């Protein structure tokens, strides 16, 4: 899905960037130009970023002792 229509940035591109290394929204703005025109995409870009962020080991289900 296209998240940033102005700069044609997809959710896939955002996910790949976030999974490559931790980043902030300002990094996406600088590297992918997300939200640099009308900025209407920033809330959606932030949601995609949060979903794609790797879960720390302490929070994953695999690390729980049952």
N, C-alpha and C. Protein backbone atom coordinates (compact mmCIF):
# COMPACT_ATOMS: atom_id res chain seq x y z
N UNK A 1 0.85 -1.17 0.00
CA UNK A 1 0.00 0.00 0.00
C UNK A 1 0.90 1.24 0.00
N UNK A 2 0.49 2.24 -0.73
CA UNK A 2 1.22 3.50 -0.75
C UNK A 2 0.85 4.29 0.50
N UNK A 3 1.85 4.64 1.29
CA UNK A 3 1.63 5.42 2.51
C UNK A 3 1.77 6.91 2.19
N UNK A 4 2.83 7.26 1.50
CA UNK A 4 3.08 8.66 1.13
C UNK A 4 2.82 8.81 -0.36
N UNK A 5 1.68 9.40 -0.68
CA UNK A 5 1.30 9.56 -2.08
C UNK A 5 2.21 10.58 -2.77
N UNK A 6 2.55 11.63 -2.07
CA UNK A 6 3.37 12.70 -2.67
C UNK A 6 4.72 12.18 -3.16
N UNK A 7 5.33 11.27 -2.39
CA UNK A 7 6.66 10.77 -2.73
C UNK A 7 6.68 9.29 -3.08
N UNK A 8 5.48 8.71 -3.24
CA UNK A 8 5.34 7.31 -3.63
C UNK A 8 6.16 6.36 -2.76
N UNK A 9 5.93 6.43 -1.46
CA UNK A 9 6.61 5.55 -0.50
C UNK A 9 5.59 4.54 -0.01
N UNK A 10 5.95 3.26 -0.10
CA UNK A 10 5.02 2.20 0.30
C UNK A 10 5.29 1.74 1.72
N UNK A 11 4.31 1.02 2.26
CA UNK A 11 4.50 0.45 3.60
C UNK A 11 5.63 -0.57 3.58
N UNK A 12 5.83 -1.24 2.46
CA UNK A 12 6.92 -2.22 2.34
C UNK A 12 8.28 -1.54 2.49
N UNK A 13 8.43 -0.40 1.86
CA UNK A 13 9.70 0.34 1.98
C UNK A 13 9.95 0.77 3.42
N UNK A 14 8.91 1.22 4.10
CA UNK A 14 9.05 1.64 5.49
C UNK A 14 9.41 0.45 6.36
N UNK A 15 8.72 -0.67 6.17
CA UNK A 15 9.01 -1.88 6.95
C UNK A 15 10.44 -2.35 6.74
N UNK A 16 10.88 -2.37 5.50
CA UNK A 16 12.25 -2.80 5.21
C UNK A 16 13.27 -1.91 5.90
N UNK A 17 13.02 -0.61 5.89
CA UNK A 17 13.94 0.33 6.51
C UNK A 17 13.98 0.14 8.03
N UNK A 18 12.83 -0.03 8.64
CA UNK A 18 12.75 -0.20 10.09
C UNK A 18 13.38 -1.52 10.52
N UNK A 19 13.18 -2.57 9.74
CA UNK A 19 13.74 -3.87 10.10
C UNK A 19 15.24 -3.94 9.85
N UNK A 20 15.75 -3.10 8.97
CA UNK A 20 17.20 -3.09 8.70
C UNK A 20 17.96 -2.57 9.90
N UNK A 21 17.46 -1.54 10.53
CA UNK A 21 18.06 -0.99 11.75
C UNK A 21 17.06 -0.06 12.41
N UNK A 22 17.11 0.03 13.72
CA UNK A 22 16.17 0.91 14.42
C UNK A 22 16.29 2.34 13.90
N UNK A 23 15.16 3.01 13.81
CA UNK A 23 15.18 4.38 13.32
C UNK A 23 14.02 5.16 13.92
N UNK A 24 14.09 6.45 13.79
CA UNK A 24 13.03 7.35 14.24
C UNK A 24 12.30 7.89 13.01
N UNK A 25 11.18 8.54 13.26
CA UNK A 25 10.41 9.11 12.17
C UNK A 25 11.24 10.12 11.38
N UNK A 26 12.08 10.87 12.06
CA UNK A 26 12.93 11.85 11.35
C UNK A 26 13.87 11.16 10.37
N UNK A 27 14.29 9.91 10.70
CA UNK A 27 15.15 9.16 9.78
C UNK A 27 14.38 8.78 8.52
N UNK A 28 13.12 8.39 8.68
CA UNK A 28 12.30 8.06 7.51
C UNK A 28 12.07 9.30 6.65
N UNK A 29 11.86 10.42 7.31
CA UNK A 29 11.67 11.67 6.56
C UNK A 29 12.91 12.00 5.75
N UNK A 30 14.07 11.82 6.36
CA UNK A 30 15.33 12.15 5.68
C UNK A 30 15.66 11.15 4.58
N UNK A 31 15.51 9.87 4.86
CA UNK A 31 15.95 8.83 3.94
C UNK A 31 14.93 8.48 2.86
N UNK A 32 13.65 8.46 3.22
CA UNK A 32 12.61 8.08 2.26
C UNK A 32 11.75 9.25 1.82
N UNK A 33 11.95 10.41 2.42
CA UNK A 33 11.18 11.63 2.13
C UNK A 33 9.71 11.48 2.50
N UNK A 34 9.41 10.63 3.48
CA UNK A 34 8.04 10.45 3.96
C UNK A 34 7.61 11.72 4.67
N UNK A 35 6.47 12.26 4.28
CA UNK A 35 5.91 13.41 4.97
C UNK A 35 6.59 14.73 4.72
N UNK A 36 7.36 14.83 3.68
CA UNK A 36 8.07 16.08 3.42
C UNK A 36 7.29 17.03 2.53
N UNK A 37 6.15 16.62 2.03
CA UNK A 37 5.32 17.51 1.19
C UNK A 37 4.10 17.97 2.00
N UNK A 38 3.04 17.22 1.96
CA UNK A 38 1.81 17.64 2.65
C UNK A 38 1.75 17.12 4.09
N UNK A 39 2.50 16.08 4.42
CA UNK A 39 2.61 15.49 5.76
C UNK A 39 1.35 14.76 6.24
N UNK A 40 0.38 14.53 5.37
CA UNK A 40 -0.82 13.81 5.77
C UNK A 40 -0.54 12.33 6.06
N UNK A 41 0.58 11.83 5.58
CA UNK A 41 0.92 10.42 5.72
C UNK A 41 1.64 10.10 7.04
N UNK A 42 2.06 11.10 7.77
CA UNK A 42 2.87 10.85 8.96
C UNK A 42 2.21 9.95 10.00
N UNK A 43 0.93 10.10 10.32
CA UNK A 43 0.33 9.17 11.28
C UNK A 43 0.37 7.71 10.80
N UNK A 44 0.08 7.50 9.52
CA UNK A 44 0.11 6.14 8.97
C UNK A 44 1.54 5.61 8.94
N UNK A 45 2.49 6.44 8.55
CA UNK A 45 3.89 6.02 8.53
C UNK A 45 4.35 5.63 9.92
N UNK A 46 3.93 6.37 10.92
CA UNK A 46 4.30 6.06 12.31
C UNK A 46 3.68 4.73 12.74
N UNK A 47 2.44 4.47 12.35
CA UNK A 47 1.79 3.19 12.66
C UNK A 47 2.55 2.02 12.01
N UNK A 48 2.92 2.18 10.76
CA UNK A 48 3.67 1.13 10.05
C UNK A 48 5.02 0.92 10.73
N UNK A 49 5.66 2.01 11.12
CA UNK A 49 6.95 1.91 11.82
C UNK A 49 6.81 1.10 13.10
N UNK A 50 5.80 1.40 13.88
CA UNK A 50 5.59 0.70 15.16
C UNK A 50 5.30 -0.78 14.94
N UNK A 51 4.52 -1.10 13.93
CA UNK A 51 4.20 -2.49 13.64
C UNK A 51 5.43 -3.27 13.18
N UNK A 52 6.31 -2.60 12.45
CA UNK A 52 7.47 -3.27 11.87
C UNK A 52 8.66 -3.34 12.82
N UNK A 53 8.62 -2.57 13.89
CA UNK A 53 9.76 -2.55 14.82
C UNK A 53 9.94 -3.92 15.45
N UNK A 54 11.19 -4.39 15.50
CA UNK A 54 11.45 -5.68 16.12
C UNK A 54 11.07 -5.66 17.60
N UNK A 55 10.49 -6.75 18.07
CA UNK A 55 10.10 -6.86 19.47
C UNK A 55 11.33 -7.26 20.28
N UNK A 56 11.64 -6.50 21.34
CA UNK A 56 12.79 -6.88 22.19
C UNK A 56 12.58 -8.27 22.77
N UNK A 57 13.65 -9.00 23.00
CA UNK A 57 13.57 -10.38 23.48
C UNK A 57 12.80 -10.47 24.79
N UNK A 58 12.91 -9.50 25.64
CA UNK A 58 12.21 -9.52 26.93
C UNK A 58 10.70 -9.47 26.76
N UNK A 59 10.22 -8.94 25.65
CA UNK A 59 8.78 -8.80 25.42
C UNK A 59 8.21 -9.89 24.53
N UNK A 60 9.06 -10.68 23.89
CA UNK A 60 8.55 -11.69 22.99
C UNK A 60 7.99 -12.89 23.75
N UNK A 61 7.07 -13.59 23.15
CA UNK A 61 6.48 -14.76 23.79
C UNK A 61 7.49 -15.88 23.95
N UNK A 62 8.49 -15.92 23.12
CA UNK A 62 9.49 -16.98 23.18
C UNK A 62 10.35 -16.90 24.42
N UNK A 63 10.49 -15.73 24.99
CA UNK A 63 11.39 -15.58 26.13
C UNK A 63 10.68 -15.83 27.47
N UNK A 64 9.38 -16.03 27.44
CA UNK A 64 8.66 -16.28 28.68
C UNK A 64 8.91 -17.68 29.20
N UNK A 65 9.13 -17.76 30.48
CA UNK A 65 9.31 -19.06 31.13
C UNK A 65 7.94 -19.52 31.59
N UNK A 66 7.53 -20.69 31.14
CA UNK A 66 6.20 -21.19 31.49
C UNK A 66 6.34 -22.30 32.49
